[in-house]
């Protein structure tokens, strides 16, 4: 399963989502869209949104920290 987190270092929601993924033991690639303009363009094209966090799970994009969708898509039995 491929999991990518599009984020910025100054976004508190990004930090919360990253902490949640780590606590759940989810392996993910973090992409700083402030430094990676190609990834930023990809994210905007895929979601029609310019806000972060955006979580991509096997090609499906979830905008924001939608805990219910994330837990469901990752098949987590949520520990927290």
N, C-alpha and C. Protein backbone atom coordinates (compact mmCIF):
# COMPACT_ATOMS: atom_id res chain seq x y z
N UNK A 1 0.84 -1.18 0.00
CA UNK A 1 0.00 0.00 0.00
C UNK A 1 0.89 1.24 0.00
N UNK A 2 0.60 2.14 -0.91
CA UNK A 2 1.37 3.38 -1.02
C UNK A 2 0.61 4.50 -0.32
N UNK A 3 1.29 5.15 0.63
CA UNK A 3 0.69 6.24 1.38
C UNK A 3 1.64 7.44 1.30
N UNK A 4 1.09 8.56 0.83
CA UNK A 4 1.88 9.79 0.75
C UNK A 4 1.11 10.91 1.44
N UNK A 5 1.84 11.70 2.22
CA UNK A 5 1.27 12.84 2.93
C UNK A 5 1.83 14.12 2.33
N UNK A 6 0.97 14.89 1.69
CA UNK A 6 1.34 16.20 1.17
C UNK A 6 1.11 17.20 2.30
N UNK A 7 2.15 17.92 2.68
CA UNK A 7 2.05 18.77 3.86
C UNK A 7 3.01 19.95 3.76
N UNK A 8 2.94 20.79 4.77
CA UNK A 8 3.93 21.85 4.97
C UNK A 8 4.38 21.80 6.42
N UNK A 9 5.59 22.25 6.70
CA UNK A 9 6.08 22.19 8.08
C UNK A 9 5.36 23.13 9.04
N UNK A 10 4.64 24.12 8.52
CA UNK A 10 3.98 25.10 9.38
C UNK A 10 2.50 24.80 9.61
N UNK A 11 2.00 23.72 9.04
CA UNK A 11 0.58 23.38 9.13
C UNK A 11 0.31 22.51 10.36
N UNK A 12 -0.46 23.02 11.33
CA UNK A 12 -0.73 22.22 12.54
C UNK A 12 -1.55 20.96 12.25
N UNK A 13 -2.44 21.01 11.26
CA UNK A 13 -3.24 19.84 10.92
C UNK A 13 -2.37 18.75 10.29
N UNK A 14 -1.36 19.19 9.55
CA UNK A 14 -0.40 18.23 8.96
C UNK A 14 0.36 17.50 10.07
N UNK A 15 0.78 18.25 11.07
CA UNK A 15 1.52 17.65 12.18
C UNK A 15 0.64 16.66 12.95
N UNK A 16 -0.63 17.02 13.14
CA UNK A 16 -1.57 16.13 13.83
C UNK A 16 -1.78 14.85 13.04
N UNK A 17 -1.96 14.97 11.74
CA UNK A 17 -2.15 13.79 10.90
C UNK A 17 -0.89 12.92 10.88
N UNK A 18 0.26 13.56 10.77
CA UNK A 18 1.52 12.81 10.78
C UNK A 18 1.68 12.03 12.09
N UNK A 19 1.39 12.68 13.20
CA UNK A 19 1.47 12.02 14.51
C UNK A 19 0.51 10.83 14.57
N UNK A 20 -0.70 11.02 14.07
CA UNK A 20 -1.69 9.94 14.04
C UNK A 20 -1.18 8.75 13.23
N UNK A 21 -0.63 9.01 12.05
CA UNK A 21 -0.12 7.92 11.20
C UNK A 21 1.02 7.16 11.89
N UNK A 22 1.91 7.90 12.52
CA UNK A 22 3.03 7.28 13.24
C UNK A 22 2.50 6.42 14.39
N UNK A 23 1.56 6.95 15.15
CA UNK A 23 0.98 6.20 16.27
C UNK A 23 0.28 4.92 15.81
N UNK A 24 -0.28 4.96 14.61
CA UNK A 24 -0.98 3.79 14.07
C UNK A 24 -0.03 2.82 13.36
N UNK A 25 1.25 3.19 13.26
CA UNK A 25 2.23 2.32 12.63
C UNK A 25 2.15 2.30 11.12
N UNK A 26 1.62 3.37 10.54
CA UNK A 26 1.47 3.46 9.09
C UNK A 26 2.76 3.99 8.47
N UNK A 27 3.31 3.26 7.51
CA UNK A 27 4.47 3.73 6.76
C UNK A 27 3.98 4.72 5.71
N UNK A 28 4.60 5.89 5.61
CA UNK A 28 4.17 6.87 4.64
C UNK A 28 5.35 7.72 4.19
N UNK A 29 5.18 8.32 3.03
CA UNK A 29 6.17 9.26 2.50
C UNK A 29 5.61 10.66 2.73
N UNK A 30 6.38 11.51 3.37
CA UNK A 30 5.94 12.89 3.59
C UNK A 30 6.54 13.78 2.52
N UNK A 31 5.69 14.59 1.90
CA UNK A 31 6.12 15.48 0.83
C UNK A 31 5.82 16.92 1.23
N UNK A 32 6.85 17.72 1.34
CA UNK A 32 6.71 19.13 1.68
C UNK A 32 6.41 19.89 0.39
N UNK A 33 5.18 20.34 0.23
CA UNK A 33 4.78 21.00 -1.02
C UNK A 33 5.34 22.42 -1.14
N UNK A 34 5.89 22.96 -0.06
CA UNK A 34 6.57 24.25 -0.17
C UNK A 34 7.91 24.10 -0.90
N UNK A 35 8.52 22.93 -0.78
CA UNK A 35 9.82 22.67 -1.40
C UNK A 35 9.70 21.89 -2.71
N UNK A 36 8.60 21.18 -2.91
CA UNK A 36 8.43 20.32 -4.08
C UNK A 36 7.25 20.82 -4.90
N UNK A 37 7.52 21.73 -5.83
CA UNK A 37 6.45 22.35 -6.63
C UNK A 37 5.79 21.35 -7.56
N UNK A 38 6.51 20.34 -8.04
CA UNK A 38 5.92 19.31 -8.88
C UNK A 38 4.86 18.54 -8.10
N UNK A 39 5.18 18.19 -6.87
CA UNK A 39 4.22 17.48 -6.02
C UNK A 39 3.03 18.37 -5.69
N UNK A 40 3.30 19.66 -5.45
CA UNK A 40 2.22 20.60 -5.17
C UNK A 40 1.25 20.66 -6.35
N UNK A 41 1.79 20.74 -7.55
CA UNK A 41 0.95 20.78 -8.76
C UNK A 41 0.15 19.48 -8.90
N UNK A 42 0.78 18.36 -8.63
CA UNK A 42 0.10 17.06 -8.68
C UNK A 42 -1.07 17.03 -7.70
N UNK A 43 -0.83 17.50 -6.47
CA UNK A 43 -1.85 17.53 -5.44
C UNK A 43 -3.03 18.41 -5.86
N UNK A 44 -2.73 19.60 -6.36
CA UNK A 44 -3.78 20.52 -6.78
C UNK A 44 -4.58 19.95 -7.94
N UNK A 45 -3.90 19.37 -8.90
CA UNK A 45 -4.57 18.77 -10.06
C UNK A 45 -5.49 17.63 -9.63
N UNK A 46 -5.04 16.82 -8.69
CA UNK A 46 -5.80 15.64 -8.26
C UNK A 46 -6.99 16.00 -7.37
N UNK A 47 -6.87 17.10 -6.61
CA UNK A 47 -7.90 17.41 -5.60
C UNK A 47 -8.67 18.70 -5.87
N UNK A 48 -8.16 19.52 -6.78
CA UNK A 48 -8.71 20.86 -7.00
C UNK A 48 -8.68 21.69 -5.72
N UNK A 49 -7.73 21.38 -4.85
CA UNK A 49 -7.57 22.09 -3.58
C UNK A 49 -6.11 22.55 -3.44
N UNK A 50 -5.93 23.66 -2.75
CA UNK A 50 -4.58 24.15 -2.49
C UNK A 50 -4.22 24.02 -1.01
N UNK A 51 -5.10 23.37 -0.25
CA UNK A 51 -4.87 23.25 1.19
C UNK A 51 -4.24 21.92 1.54
N UNK A 52 -3.53 21.90 2.64
CA UNK A 52 -2.94 20.68 3.18
C UNK A 52 -3.52 20.48 4.57
N UNK A 53 -3.47 19.28 5.10
CA UNK A 53 -2.86 18.09 4.55
C UNK A 53 -3.74 17.41 3.51
N UNK A 54 -3.05 16.71 2.61
CA UNK A 54 -3.71 15.81 1.67
C UNK A 54 -3.01 14.46 1.81
N UNK A 55 -3.79 13.44 1.99
CA UNK A 55 -3.25 12.09 2.13
C UNK A 55 -3.64 11.30 0.89
N UNK A 56 -2.64 10.72 0.24
CA UNK A 56 -2.91 9.85 -0.91
C UNK A 56 -2.69 8.41 -0.47
N UNK A 57 -3.70 7.60 -0.65
CA UNK A 57 -3.62 6.18 -0.31
C UNK A 57 -3.94 5.40 -1.57
N UNK A 58 -2.93 4.77 -2.15
CA UNK A 58 -3.09 4.00 -3.38
C UNK A 58 -3.88 4.75 -4.45
N UNK A 59 -3.53 6.02 -4.67
CA UNK A 59 -4.14 6.80 -5.73
C UNK A 59 -5.42 7.51 -5.35
N UNK A 60 -5.93 7.28 -4.15
CA UNK A 60 -7.13 7.99 -3.68
C UNK A 60 -6.70 9.09 -2.74
N UNK A 61 -7.21 10.29 -2.99
CA UNK A 61 -6.80 11.46 -2.22
C UNK A 61 -7.85 11.80 -1.17
N UNK A 62 -7.39 12.08 0.04
CA UNK A 62 -8.24 12.51 1.13
C UNK A 62 -7.73 13.88 1.58
N UNK A 63 -8.59 14.89 1.44
CA UNK A 63 -8.21 16.26 1.79
C UNK A 63 -8.57 16.50 3.25
N UNK A 64 -7.59 16.99 4.01
CA UNK A 64 -7.80 17.26 5.42
C UNK A 64 -7.64 16.00 6.26
N UNK A 65 -7.77 16.16 7.55
CA UNK A 65 -7.63 15.03 8.47
C UNK A 65 -9.03 14.46 8.71
N UNK A 66 -9.50 13.70 7.72
CA UNK A 66 -10.80 13.02 7.82
C UNK A 66 -10.53 11.65 8.44
N UNK A 67 -10.52 11.63 9.76
CA UNK A 67 -10.13 10.43 10.50
C UNK A 67 -10.92 9.20 10.07
N UNK A 68 -12.24 9.33 9.94
CA UNK A 68 -13.08 8.19 9.58
C UNK A 68 -12.69 7.61 8.23
N UNK A 69 -12.51 8.47 7.24
CA UNK A 69 -12.12 8.01 5.89
C UNK A 69 -10.74 7.36 5.91
N UNK A 70 -9.82 7.98 6.64
CA UNK A 70 -8.45 7.47 6.69
C UNK A 70 -8.41 6.10 7.35
N UNK A 71 -9.09 5.96 8.48
CA UNK A 71 -9.13 4.68 9.20
C UNK A 71 -9.74 3.61 8.30
N UNK A 72 -10.83 3.96 7.62
CA UNK A 72 -11.50 3.01 6.73
C UNK A 72 -10.60 2.60 5.56
N UNK A 73 -10.01 3.58 4.90
CA UNK A 73 -9.19 3.29 3.72
C UNK A 73 -7.94 2.49 4.08
N UNK A 74 -7.36 2.77 5.25
CA UNK A 74 -6.15 2.05 5.67
C UNK A 74 -6.48 0.72 6.37
N UNK A 75 -7.74 0.50 6.65
CA UNK A 75 -8.13 -0.74 7.32
C UNK A 75 -7.61 -0.82 8.74
N UNK A 76 -7.60 0.31 9.42
CA UNK A 76 -7.07 0.36 10.79
C UNK A 76 -8.13 -0.04 11.80
N UNK A 77 -7.72 -0.74 12.82
CA UNK A 77 -8.56 -0.87 14.01
C UNK A 77 -7.97 0.14 14.97
N UNK A 78 -8.47 1.33 14.88
CA UNK A 78 -7.87 2.52 15.49
C UNK A 78 -7.50 2.32 16.95
N UNK A 79 -6.23 2.55 17.24
CA UNK A 79 -5.70 2.41 18.61
C UNK A 79 -6.03 3.64 19.45
N UNK A 80 -6.21 4.79 18.81
CA UNK A 80 -6.49 6.03 19.55
C UNK A 80 -7.74 6.66 19.01
